[in-house]
């Protein structure tokens, strides 16, 4: 039995702090919590005064965690995980499956992740989903901070303790405008890529990293003409004739010509990669996330 002093912080204060840390600012945190900005600011001030230490400092238009803030975030995350476990246990006692699923996907998963979630939510209407789509670097940061139950990505980081499940192939194809001269060829030598303008996703993109690694393996130095921040921007720029690009086949329409594009046959391509579901092995995987993984495995025939 706990016989110590009660905590100096309230649940509401800790919830506001966690949301501000997660969203990087008071405005977005207040919106997510359906609270006013002054309410969140007051809770943060009361929490700081109660603990007697700075937890957040201004950073541009948002805020940044201090060392004490990072330590508190680890504690709060564990507390909330324990509470979620309690809620799930209570739901089990009542024969229900409810709760929330926190899932993050790298940018290209926006083309298929909703298709995975739709039948799951139909089967379990009591579950709410908190879905975040961002580039690989941002998803890795979320895994580091334990902000999600599961992440869907192509290239999991090696520095985190992760379990993973291969869920789907992810061929990376070279695309050009529909009327590109290579579009009518059965195959083009891979070495030709060194002499054409390439369009790339931003630094932090898994597709960019996989492409650069593939070219380096074949001693090819890419001639990067432009960097763009989304698959859609890449496709529009390629269709306009600004260069060629490597994208996931999942980012293309079944008939690429309908988007003004052609999948170009180049020796050694597509680059064969895979989508993986990953989660932290050093923390309890919530029951909702476990059920989702079982459902996904059955749906994909794994």
C-alpha atoms as a PDB file:
ATOM      1  CA  UNK A   1       0.000   0.000   0.000  1.00  0.00           C
ATOM      2  CA  UNK A   2       1.275   3.468  -0.889  1.00  0.00           C
ATOM      3  CA  UNK A   3       1.930   5.467   2.315  1.00  0.00           C
ATOM      4  CA  UNK A   4       3.961   8.362   0.917  1.00  0.00           C
ATOM      5  CA  UNK A   5       2.940  11.940   0.317  1.00  0.00           C
ATOM      6  CA  UNK A   6       0.413  12.582  -2.463  1.00  0.00           C
ATOM      7  CA  UNK A   7       1.860  13.953  -5.734  1.00  0.00           C
ATOM      8  CA  UNK A   8       2.166  17.722  -5.984  1.00  0.00           C
ATOM      9  CA  UNK A   9       0.905  17.648  -9.567  1.00  0.00           C
ATOM     10  CA  UNK A  10      -2.654  17.007 -10.704  1.00  0.00           C
ATOM     11  CA  UNK A  11      -3.647  14.640 -13.502  1.00  0.00           C
ATOM     12  CA  UNK A  12      -4.957  17.599 -15.517  1.00  0.00           C
ATOM     13  CA  UNK A  13      -1.632  19.427 -15.220  1.00  0.00           C
ATOM     14  CA  UNK A  14       0.317  16.354 -16.333  1.00  0.00           C
ATOM     15  CA  UNK A  15      -2.068  15.743 -19.222  1.00  0.00           C
ATOM     16  CA  UNK A  16      -1.566  19.322 -20.445  1.00  0.00           C
ATOM     17  CA  UNK A  17       2.207  19.035 -20.051  1.00  0.00           C
ATOM     18  CA  UNK A  18       2.312  15.777 -22.042  1.00  0.00           C
ATOM     19  CA  UNK A  19       0.201  17.281 -24.826  1.00  0.00           C
ATOM     20  CA  UNK A  20       2.392  20.396 -25.064  1.00  0.00           C
ATOM     21  CA  UNK A  21       5.506  18.194 -25.178  1.00  0.00           C
ATOM     22  CA  UNK A  22       3.935  16.000 -27.863  1.00  0.00           C
ATOM     23  CA  UNK A  23       2.680  18.816 -30.099  1.00  0.00           C
ATOM     24  CA  UNK A  24       5.518  21.257 -29.450  1.00  0.00           C
ATOM     25  CA  UNK A  25       3.322  24.170 -28.468  1.00  0.00           C
ATOM     26  CA  UNK A  26       0.426  25.346 -26.347  1.00  0.00           C
ATOM     27  CA  UNK A  27      -1.948  26.186 -29.210  1.00  0.00           C
ATOM     28  CA  UNK A  28      -1.974  22.719 -30.783  1.00  0.00           C
ATOM     29  CA  UNK A  29      -2.041  21.059 -27.376  1.00  0.00           C
ATOM     30  CA  UNK A  30      -5.076  23.096 -26.345  1.00  0.00           C
ATOM     31  CA  UNK A  31      -6.856  22.181 -29.571  1.00  0.00           C
ATOM     32  CA  UNK A  32      -6.099  18.482 -29.066  1.00  0.00           C
ATOM     33  CA  UNK A  33      -7.354  18.588 -25.475  1.00  0.00           C
ATOM     34  CA  UNK A  34     -10.387  20.743 -26.352  1.00  0.00           C
ATOM     35  CA  UNK A  35      -9.263  23.341 -23.807  1.00  0.00           C
ATOM     36  CA  UNK A  36      -8.570  27.050 -24.093  1.00  0.00           C
ATOM     37  CA  UNK A  37      -4.986  28.255 -24.396  1.00  0.00           C
ATOM     38  CA  UNK A  38      -5.219  30.196 -21.096  1.00  0.00           C
ATOM     39  CA  UNK A  39      -6.347  27.023 -19.324  1.00  0.00           C
ATOM     40  CA  UNK A  40      -3.374  25.038 -20.613  1.00  0.00           C
ATOM     41  CA  UNK A  41      -0.987  27.905 -19.817  1.00  0.00           C
ATOM     42  CA  UNK A  42      -2.350  28.109 -16.261  1.00  0.00           C
ATOM     43  CA  UNK A  43      -1.936  24.385 -15.722  1.00  0.00           C
ATOM     44  CA  UNK A  44       1.660  24.541 -16.964  1.00  0.00           C
ATOM     45  CA  UNK A  45       2.414  27.485 -14.680  1.00  0.00           C
ATOM     46  CA  UNK A  46       0.898  25.740 -11.663  1.00  0.00           C
ATOM     47  CA  UNK A  47       2.864  22.582 -12.464  1.00  0.00           C
ATOM     48  CA  UNK A  48       6.116  24.570 -12.737  1.00  0.00           C
ATOM     49  CA  UNK A  49       5.451  26.375  -9.474  1.00  0.00           C
ATOM     50  CA  UNK A  50       4.529  23.142  -7.723  1.00  0.00           C
ATOM     51  CA  UNK A  51       7.759  21.422  -8.786  1.00  0.00           C
ATOM     52  CA  UNK A  52       9.899  24.533  -8.487  1.00  0.00           C
ATOM     53  CA  UNK A  53      11.744  23.965 -11.752  1.00  0.00           C
ATOM     54  CA  UNK A  54      11.494  25.049 -15.388  1.00  0.00           C
ATOM     55  CA  UNK A  55      10.058  22.356 -17.636  1.00  0.00           C
ATOM     56  CA  UNK A  56       9.656  24.253 -20.903  1.00  0.00           C
ATOM     57  CA  UNK A  57      11.446  27.112 -22.631  1.00  0.00           C
ATOM     58  CA  UNK A  58      10.356  29.135 -25.687  1.00  0.00           C
ATOM     59  CA  UNK A  59      11.680  27.883 -29.038  1.00  0.00           C
ATOM     60  CA  UNK A  60      10.598  29.828 -32.110  1.00  0.00           C
ATOM     61  CA  UNK A  61       6.811  29.749 -32.225  1.00  0.00           C
ATOM     62  CA  UNK A  62       6.641  26.779 -29.886  1.00  0.00           C
ATOM     63  CA  UNK A  63       8.340  25.401 -26.805  1.00  0.00           C
ATOM     64  CA  UNK A  64      11.191  23.042 -26.055  1.00  0.00           C
ATOM     65  CA  UNK A  65      11.678  20.672 -23.123  1.00  0.00           C
ATOM     66  CA  UNK A  66      14.393  21.349 -20.571  1.00  0.00           C
ATOM     67  CA  UNK A  67      16.362  18.451 -19.088  1.00  0.00           C
ATOM     68  CA  UNK A  68      13.876  18.389 -16.215  1.00  0.00           C
ATOM     69  CA  UNK A  69      11.016  18.466 -18.713  1.00  0.00           C
ATOM     70  CA  UNK A  70      12.408  15.478 -20.587  1.00  0.00           C
ATOM     71  CA  UNK A  71      12.759  13.558 -17.335  1.00  0.00           C
ATOM     72  CA  UNK A  72       9.185  14.419 -16.392  1.00  0.00           C
ATOM     73  CA  UNK A  73       7.926  13.382 -19.831  1.00  0.00           C
ATOM     74  CA  UNK A  74       9.433   9.901 -19.367  1.00  0.00           C
ATOM     75  CA  UNK A  75       7.685   9.609 -15.989  1.00  0.00           C
ATOM     76  CA  UNK A  76       4.369  10.918 -17.311  1.00  0.00           C
ATOM     77  CA  UNK A  77       4.491   8.566 -20.305  1.00  0.00           C
ATOM     78  CA  UNK A  78       4.953   5.585 -17.995  1.00  0.00           C
ATOM     79  CA  UNK A  79       2.153   6.786 -15.728  1.00  0.00           C
ATOM     80  CA  UNK A  80      -0.233   7.132 -18.655  1.00  0.00           C
ATOM     81  CA  UNK A  81       0.741   3.679 -19.933  1.00  0.00           C
ATOM     82  CA  UNK A  82      -0.052   2.224 -16.522  1.00  0.00           C
ATOM     83  CA  UNK A  83      -3.394   3.997 -16.533  1.00  0.00           C
ATOM     84  CA  UNK A  84      -4.184   2.737 -20.030  1.00  0.00           C
ATOM     85  CA  UNK A  85      -3.397  -0.777 -18.836  1.00  0.00           C
ATOM     86  CA  UNK A  86      -5.834  -0.322 -15.964  1.00  0.00           C
ATOM     87  CA  UNK A  87      -8.564   0.898 -18.315  1.00  0.00           C
ATOM     88  CA  UNK A  88      -7.984  -2.080 -20.597  1.00  0.00           C
ATOM     89  CA  UNK A  89      -8.158  -4.482 -17.651  1.00  0.00           C
ATOM     90  CA  UNK A  90     -11.458  -2.927 -16.600  1.00  0.00           C
ATOM     91  CA  UNK A  91     -12.777  -3.243 -20.154  1.00  0.00           C
ATOM     92  CA  UNK A  92     -11.731  -6.914 -20.171  1.00  0.00           C
ATOM     93  CA  UNK A  93     -13.667  -7.478 -16.943  1.00  0.00           C
ATOM     94  CA  UNK A  94     -16.755  -6.063 -18.654  1.00  0.00           C
ATOM     95  CA  UNK A  95     -16.202  -8.106 -21.818  1.00  0.00           C
ATOM     96  CA  UNK A  96     -15.516  -5.012 -23.920  1.00  0.00           C
ATOM     97  CA  UNK A  97     -12.740  -3.878 -26.237  1.00  0.00           C
ATOM     98  CA  UNK A  98     -12.322  -0.148 -26.107  1.00  0.00           C
ATOM     99  CA  UNK A  99      -9.569   2.406 -25.808  1.00  0.00           C
ATOM    100  CA  UNK A 100      -7.220   4.180 -28.178  1.00  0.00           C
ATOM    101  CA  UNK A 101      -4.665   3.057 -30.734  1.00  0.00           C
ATOM    102  CA  UNK A 102      -1.746   5.394 -31.326  1.00  0.00           C
ATOM    103  CA  UNK A 103      -0.173   4.689 -34.679  1.00  0.00           C
ATOM    104  CA  UNK A 104       2.382   6.559 -36.778  1.00  0.00           C
ATOM    105  CA  UNK A 105       3.196   5.984 -40.419  1.00  0.00           C
ATOM    106  CA  UNK A 106       5.873   7.358 -42.695  1.00  0.00           C
ATOM    107  CA  UNK A 107       4.610   9.572 -45.485  1.00  0.00           C
ATOM    108  CA  UNK A 108       3.908   6.971 -48.170  1.00  0.00           C
ATOM    109  CA  UNK A 109       1.691   4.930 -45.833  1.00  0.00           C
ATOM    110  CA  UNK A 110      -1.023   7.559 -46.359  1.00  0.00           C
ATOM    111  CA  UNK A 111      -1.812   5.711 -49.606  1.00  0.00           C
ATOM    112  CA  UNK A 112      -2.842   2.468 -47.870  1.00  0.00           C
ATOM    113  CA  UNK A 113      -2.951   2.811 -44.084  1.00  0.00           C
ATOM    114  CA  UNK A 114      -6.569   3.999 -44.058  1.00  0.00           C
ATOM    115  CA  UNK A 115      -7.502   0.839 -45.978  1.00  0.00           C
ATOM    116  CA  UNK A 116      -5.994  -1.210 -43.147  1.00  0.00           C
ATOM    117  CA  UNK A 117      -7.724   0.786 -40.427  1.00  0.00           C
ATOM    118  CA  UNK A 118     -11.225   0.863 -41.925  1.00  0.00           C
ATOM    119  CA  UNK A 119     -12.101  -2.850 -41.423  1.00  0.00           C
ATOM    120  CA  UNK A 120     -10.430  -2.823 -38.006  1.00  0.00           C
ATOM    121  CA  UNK A 121     -12.569   0.077 -36.814  1.00  0.00           C
ATOM    122  CA  UNK A 122     -15.665  -1.555 -38.272  1.00  0.00           C
ATOM    123  CA  UNK A 123     -14.882  -4.701 -36.303  1.00  0.00           C
ATOM    124  CA  UNK A 124     -14.094  -2.758 -33.101  1.00  0.00           C
ATOM    125  CA  UNK A 125     -16.252   0.398 -33.050  1.00  0.00           C
ATOM    126  CA  UNK A 126     -15.259   1.176 -29.451  1.00  0.00           C
ATOM    127  CA  UNK A 127     -11.670   1.957 -30.428  1.00  0.00           C
ATOM    128  CA  UNK A 128     -10.416   5.432 -31.256  1.00  0.00           C
ATOM    129  CA  UNK A 129      -7.339   5.934 -33.444  1.00  0.00           C
ATOM    130  CA  UNK A 130      -4.728   8.665 -33.079  1.00  0.00           C
ATOM    131  CA  UNK A 131      -2.941   8.575 -36.450  1.00  0.00           C
ATOM    132  CA  UNK A 132       0.127  10.633 -37.341  1.00  0.00           C
ATOM    133  CA  UNK A 133       1.742  10.667 -40.812  1.00  0.00           C
ATOM    134  CA  UNK A 134       5.246  12.148 -41.119  1.00  0.00           C
ATOM    135  CA  UNK A 135       8.644  11.419 -42.643  1.00  0.00           C
ATOM    136  CA  UNK A 136      10.970   8.735 -41.336  1.00  0.00           C
ATOM    137  CA  UNK A 137      13.055  10.973 -39.082  1.00  0.00           C
ATOM    138  CA  UNK A 138       9.958  12.381 -37.379  1.00  0.00           C
ATOM    139  CA  UNK A 139       8.495   8.891 -36.829  1.00  0.00           C
ATOM    140  CA  UNK A 140      11.792   7.755 -35.303  1.00  0.00           C
ATOM    141  CA  UNK A 141      11.685  10.694 -32.894  1.00  0.00           C
ATOM    142  CA  UNK A 142       8.180   9.651 -31.903  1.00  0.00           C
ATOM    143  CA  UNK A 143       9.415   6.104 -31.257  1.00  0.00           C
ATOM    144  CA  UNK A 144      12.235   7.502 -29.146  1.00  0.00           C
ATOM    145  CA  UNK A 145       9.716   9.451 -27.065  1.00  0.00           C
ATOM    146  CA  UNK A 146       7.331   6.477 -26.869  1.00  0.00           C
ATOM    147  CA  UNK A 147       4.533   8.568 -28.363  1.00  0.00           C
ATOM    148  CA  UNK A 148       2.996   5.757 -30.401  1.00  0.00           C
ATOM    149  CA  UNK A 149       2.040   2.135 -29.873  1.00  0.00           C
ATOM    150  CA  UNK A 150       2.952   1.044 -33.401  1.00  0.00           C
ATOM    151  CA  UNK A 151       4.764   2.629 -36.331  1.00  0.00           C
ATOM    152  CA  UNK A 152       4.589   1.567 -39.973  1.00  0.00           C
ATOM    153  CA  UNK A 153       7.832   2.231 -41.815  1.00  0.00           C
ATOM    154  CA  UNK A 154      10.241   0.873 -44.380  1.00  0.00           C
ATOM    155  CA  UNK A 155      13.582   1.312 -42.606  1.00  0.00           C
ATOM    156  CA  UNK A 156      13.354   0.877 -38.805  1.00  0.00           C
ATOM    157  CA  UNK A 157      16.193   2.488 -36.830  1.00  0.00           C
ATOM    158  CA  UNK A 158      18.884   0.270 -35.380  1.00  0.00           C
ATOM    159  CA  UNK A 159      19.468   2.182 -32.150  1.00  0.00           C
ATOM    160  CA  UNK A 160      16.097   1.446 -30.522  1.00  0.00           C
ATOM    161  CA  UNK A 161      14.900  -1.810 -28.921  1.00  0.00           C
ATOM    162  CA  UNK A 162      12.175  -2.734 -31.407  1.00  0.00           C
ATOM    163  CA  UNK A 163      10.105  -5.723 -32.378  1.00  0.00           C
ATOM    164  CA  UNK A 164       8.872  -5.767 -35.947  1.00  0.00           C
ATOM    165  CA  UNK A 165       6.606  -7.597 -38.334  1.00  0.00           C
ATOM    166  CA  UNK A 166       7.014  -7.565 -42.102  1.00  0.00           C
ATOM    167  CA  UNK A 167       3.593  -6.634 -43.438  1.00  0.00           C
ATOM    168  CA  UNK A 168       3.922  -5.814 -47.141  1.00  0.00           C
ATOM    169  CA  UNK A 169       6.357  -5.434 -50.027  1.00  0.00           C
ATOM    170  CA  UNK A 170       7.398  -1.899 -50.963  1.00  0.00           C
ATOM    171  CA  UNK A 171       8.989  -1.777 -54.427  1.00  0.00           C
ATOM    172  CA  UNK A 172      10.642   1.570 -55.168  1.00  0.00           C
ATOM    173  CA  UNK A 173      10.237   2.425 -58.854  1.00  0.00           C
ATOM    174  CA  UNK A 174      11.858   4.930 -61.169  1.00  0.00           C
ATOM    175  CA  UNK A 175       9.270   7.210 -62.755  1.00  0.00           C
ATOM    176  CA  UNK A 176       9.412   9.721 -65.567  1.00  0.00           C
ATOM    177  CA  UNK A 177       6.898  11.723 -67.612  1.00  0.00           C
ATOM    178  CA  UNK A 178       4.589   9.560 -69.711  1.00  0.00           C
ATOM    179  CA  UNK A 179       6.364  10.504 -72.957  1.00  0.00           C
ATOM    180  CA  UNK A 180       9.921   9.990 -71.679  1.00  0.00           C
ATOM    181  CA  UNK A 181      12.182   8.184 -74.199  1.00  0.00           C
ATOM    182  CA  UNK A 182      12.903   5.397 -71.692  1.00  0.00           C
ATOM    183  CA  UNK A 183       9.194   4.650 -71.340  1.00  0.00           C
ATOM    184  CA  UNK A 184       9.160   2.665 -74.593  1.00  0.00           C
ATOM    185  CA  UNK A 185      12.300   0.645 -73.767  1.00  0.00           C
ATOM    186  CA  UNK A 186      12.202  -2.843 -72.305  1.00  0.00           C
ATOM    187  CA  UNK A 187      15.225  -1.973 -70.166  1.00  0.00           C
ATOM    188  CA  UNK A 188      17.682   0.863 -69.650  1.00  0.00           C
ATOM    189  CA  UNK A 189      21.149   0.329 -68.117  1.00  0.00           C
ATOM    190  CA  UNK A 190      21.300   1.419 -64.485  1.00  0.00           C
ATOM    191  CA  UNK A 191      24.419   3.500 -65.154  1.00  0.00           C
ATOM    192  CA  UNK A 192      22.331   5.937 -67.198  1.00  0.00           C
ATOM    193  CA  UNK A 193      20.906   7.308 -63.943  1.00  0.00           C
ATOM    194  CA  UNK A 194      24.174   9.145 -63.333  1.00  0.00           C
ATOM    195  CA  UNK A 195      23.520  11.380 -66.342  1.00  0.00           C
ATOM    196  CA  UNK A 196      19.907  12.441 -65.675  1.00  0.00           C
ATOM    197  CA  UNK A 197      18.353  14.958 -63.307  1.00  0.00           C
ATOM    198  CA  UNK A 198      16.796  13.302 -60.275  1.00  0.00           C
ATOM    199  CA  UNK A 199      14.124  14.700 -57.989  1.00  0.00           C
ATOM    200  CA  UNK A 200      14.373  13.613 -54.352  1.00  0.00           C
ATOM    201  CA  UNK A 201      12.265  13.691 -51.246  1.00  0.00           C
ATOM    202  CA  UNK A 202      13.482  15.798 -48.333  1.00  0.00           C
ATOM    203  CA  UNK A 203      16.281  14.787 -45.981  1.00  0.00           C
ATOM    204  CA  UNK A 204      14.690  12.522 -43.394  1.00  0.00           C
ATOM    205  CA  UNK A 205      12.646  10.598 -45.957  1.00  0.00           C
ATOM    206  CA  UNK A 206      13.049   6.825 -45.995  1.00  0.00           C
ATOM    207  CA  UNK A 207      12.598   6.722 -49.770  1.00  0.00           C
ATOM    208  CA  UNK A 208      15.429   9.210 -50.199  1.00  0.00           C
ATOM    209  CA  UNK A 209      17.709   7.221 -47.886  1.00  0.00           C
ATOM    210  CA  UNK A 210      16.921   3.913 -49.589  1.00  0.00           C
ATOM    211  CA  UNK A 211      17.527   5.443 -53.032  1.00  0.00           C
ATOM    212  CA  UNK A 212      20.864   6.983 -52.064  1.00  0.00           C
ATOM    213  CA  UNK A 213      21.997   3.718 -50.450  1.00  0.00           C
ATOM    214  CA  UNK A 214      21.029   1.780 -53.587  1.00  0.00           C
ATOM    215  CA  UNK A 215      22.906   4.172 -55.880  1.00  0.00           C
ATOM    216  CA  UNK A 216      25.967   4.115 -53.614  1.00  0.00           C
ATOM    217  CA  UNK A 217      25.983   0.303 -53.719  1.00  0.00           C
ATOM    218  CA  UNK A 218      26.289   0.582 -57.503  1.00  0.00           C
ATOM    219  CA  UNK A 219      28.932   3.341 -57.369  1.00  0.00           C
ATOM    220  CA  UNK A 220      26.575   5.915 -58.870  1.00  0.00           C
ATOM    221  CA  UNK A 221      26.546   9.569 -57.863  1.00  0.00           C
ATOM    222  CA  UNK A 222      23.082  11.077 -58.342  1.00  0.00           C
ATOM    223  CA  UNK A 223      22.583  14.441 -59.991  1.00  0.00           C
ATOM    224  CA  UNK A 224      19.937  15.845 -57.653  1.00  0.00           C
ATOM    225  CA  UNK A 225      18.058  18.634 -59.424  1.00  0.00           C
ATOM    226  CA  UNK A 226      15.393  19.369 -56.834  1.00  0.00           C
ATOM    227  CA  UNK A 227      14.244  18.360 -53.361  1.00  0.00           C
ATOM    228  CA  UNK A 228      10.517  18.222 -52.609  1.00  0.00           C
ATOM    229  CA  UNK A 229       8.569  17.544 -49.452  1.00  0.00           C
ATOM    230  CA  UNK A 230       5.881  15.093 -50.560  1.00  0.00           C
ATOM    231  CA  UNK A 231       5.156  12.272 -52.980  1.00  0.00           C
ATOM    232  CA  UNK A 232       2.453  14.319 -54.684  1.00  0.00           C
ATOM    233  CA  UNK A 233       4.869  17.212 -55.266  1.00  0.00           C
ATOM    234  CA  UNK A 234       7.398  14.745 -56.681  1.00  0.00           C
ATOM    235  CA  UNK A 235       4.842  13.257 -59.079  1.00  0.00           C
ATOM    236  CA  UNK A 236       3.664  16.636 -60.342  1.00  0.00           C
ATOM    237  CA  UNK A 237       7.253  17.782 -60.917  1.00  0.00           C
ATOM    238  CA  UNK A 238       8.126  14.580 -62.783  1.00  0.00           C
ATOM    239  CA  UNK A 239       5.002  14.854 -64.953  1.00  0.00           C
ATOM    240  CA  UNK A 240       6.043  18.427 -65.780  1.00  0.00           C
ATOM    241  CA  UNK A 241       9.373  17.153 -67.089  1.00  0.00           C
ATOM    242  CA  UNK A 242      11.660  18.506 -64.351  1.00  0.00           C
ATOM    243  CA  UNK A 243      13.433  15.190 -63.840  1.00  0.00           C
ATOM    244  CA  UNK A 244      13.072  11.539 -62.888  1.00  0.00           C
ATOM    245  CA  UNK A 245      12.379  10.223 -59.402  1.00  0.00           C
ATOM    246  CA  UNK A 246      12.220   7.084 -57.309  1.00  0.00           C
ATOM    247  CA  UNK A 247       8.922   6.575 -55.473  1.00  0.00           C
ATOM    248  CA  UNK A 248       7.069   3.719 -53.834  1.00  0.00           C
ATOM    249  CA  UNK A 249       4.808   1.829 -56.222  1.00  0.00           C
ATOM    250  CA  UNK A 250       2.111   2.344 -53.581  1.00  0.00           C
ATOM    251  CA  UNK A 251       2.274   6.107 -54.227  1.00  0.00           C
ATOM    252  CA  UNK A 252       1.235   5.635 -57.861  1.00  0.00           C
ATOM    253  CA  UNK A 253      -2.107   4.985 -59.467  1.00  0.00           C
ATOM    254  CA  UNK A 254      -2.603   1.483 -60.850  1.00  0.00           C
ATOM    255  CA  UNK A 255      -2.297   3.070 -64.293  1.00  0.00           C
ATOM    256  CA  UNK A 256       0.554   5.556 -63.866  1.00  0.00           C
ATOM    257  CA  UNK A 257      -0.246   7.173 -67.212  1.00  0.00           C
ATOM    258  CA  UNK A 258      -3.443   8.549 -65.678  1.00  0.00           C
ATOM    259  CA  UNK A 259      -1.156  10.814 -63.633  1.00  0.00           C
ATOM    260  CA  UNK A 260       0.977  11.739 -66.632  1.00  0.00           C
ATOM    261  CA  UNK A 261       3.703   9.334 -65.495  1.00  0.00           C
ATOM    262  CA  UNK A 262       5.473   6.203 -66.663  1.00  0.00           C
ATOM    263  CA  UNK A 263       7.211   3.535 -64.596  1.00  0.00           C
ATOM    264  CA  UNK A 264      10.588   3.193 -66.308  1.00  0.00           C
ATOM    265  CA  UNK A 265      12.218  -0.212 -66.734  1.00  0.00           C
ATOM    266  CA  UNK A 266      15.813   0.102 -65.509  1.00  0.00           C
ATOM    267  CA  UNK A 267      18.145  -2.807 -64.813  1.00  0.00           C
ATOM    268  CA  UNK A 268      18.326  -3.603 -61.108  1.00  0.00           C
ATOM    269  CA  UNK A 269      15.049  -1.826 -60.371  1.00  0.00           C
ATOM    270  CA  UNK A 270      12.624  -1.605 -58.704  1.00  0.00           C
ATOM    271  CA  UNK A 271      14.522  -1.397 -55.440  1.00  0.00           C
ATOM    272  CA  UNK A 272      13.022  -4.156 -53.327  1.00  0.00           C
ATOM    273  CA  UNK A 273      12.095  -2.989 -49.830  1.00  0.00           C
ATOM    274  CA  UNK A 274       9.355  -3.892 -47.344  1.00  0.00           C
ATOM    275  CA  UNK A 275       6.878  -2.231 -45.011  1.00  0.00           C
ATOM    276  CA  UNK A 276       7.220  -3.221 -41.375  1.00  0.00           C
ATOM    277  CA  UNK A 277       5.097  -2.649 -38.305  1.00  0.00           C
ATOM    278  CA  UNK A 278       7.423  -1.830 -35.402  1.00  0.00           C
ATOM    279  CA  UNK A 279       6.903  -1.270 -31.681  1.00  0.00           C
ATOM    280  CA  UNK A 280       9.035  -0.805 -28.582  1.00  0.00           C
ATOM    281  CA  UNK A 281      10.002  -4.139 -27.031  1.00  0.00           C
ATOM    282  CA  UNK A 282      11.009  -2.465 -23.749  1.00  0.00           C
ATOM    283  CA  UNK A 283       7.457  -1.399 -22.872  1.00  0.00           C
ATOM    284  CA  UNK A 284       4.102  -3.088 -22.621  1.00  0.00           C
ATOM    285  CA  UNK A 285       2.235  -3.187 -25.906  1.00  0.00           C
ATOM    286  CA  UNK A 286      -1.334  -2.090 -25.080  1.00  0.00           C
ATOM    287  CA  UNK A 287      -4.050  -4.677 -25.591  1.00  0.00           C
ATOM    288  CA  UNK A 288      -5.683  -2.574 -28.320  1.00  0.00           C
ATOM    289  CA  UNK A 289      -2.395  -2.506 -30.240  1.00  0.00           C
ATOM    290  CA  UNK A 290      -1.976  -6.258 -29.781  1.00  0.00           C
ATOM    291  CA  UNK A 291      -5.462  -6.863 -31.176  1.00  0.00           C
ATOM    292  CA  UNK A 292      -4.690  -4.549 -34.113  1.00  0.00           C
ATOM    293  CA  UNK A 293      -1.514  -6.480 -34.928  1.00  0.00           C
ATOM    294  CA  UNK A 294      -3.429  -9.775 -34.814  1.00  0.00           C
ATOM    295  CA  UNK A 295      -6.129  -8.293 -37.027  1.00  0.00           C
ATOM    296  CA  UNK A 296      -3.558  -6.902 -39.476  1.00  0.00           C
ATOM    297  CA  UNK A 297      -1.750 -10.241 -39.634  1.00  0.00           C
ATOM    298  CA  UNK A 298      -4.996 -12.037 -40.461  1.00  0.00           C
ATOM    299  CA  UNK A 299      -6.048  -9.411 -43.016  1.00  0.00           C
ATOM    300  CA  UNK A 300      -2.739  -9.526 -44.867  1.00  0.00           C
ATOM    301  CA  UNK A 301      -2.508 -13.298 -44.689  1.00  0.00           C
ATOM    302  CA  UNK A 302       0.754 -13.315 -42.748  1.00  0.00           C
END
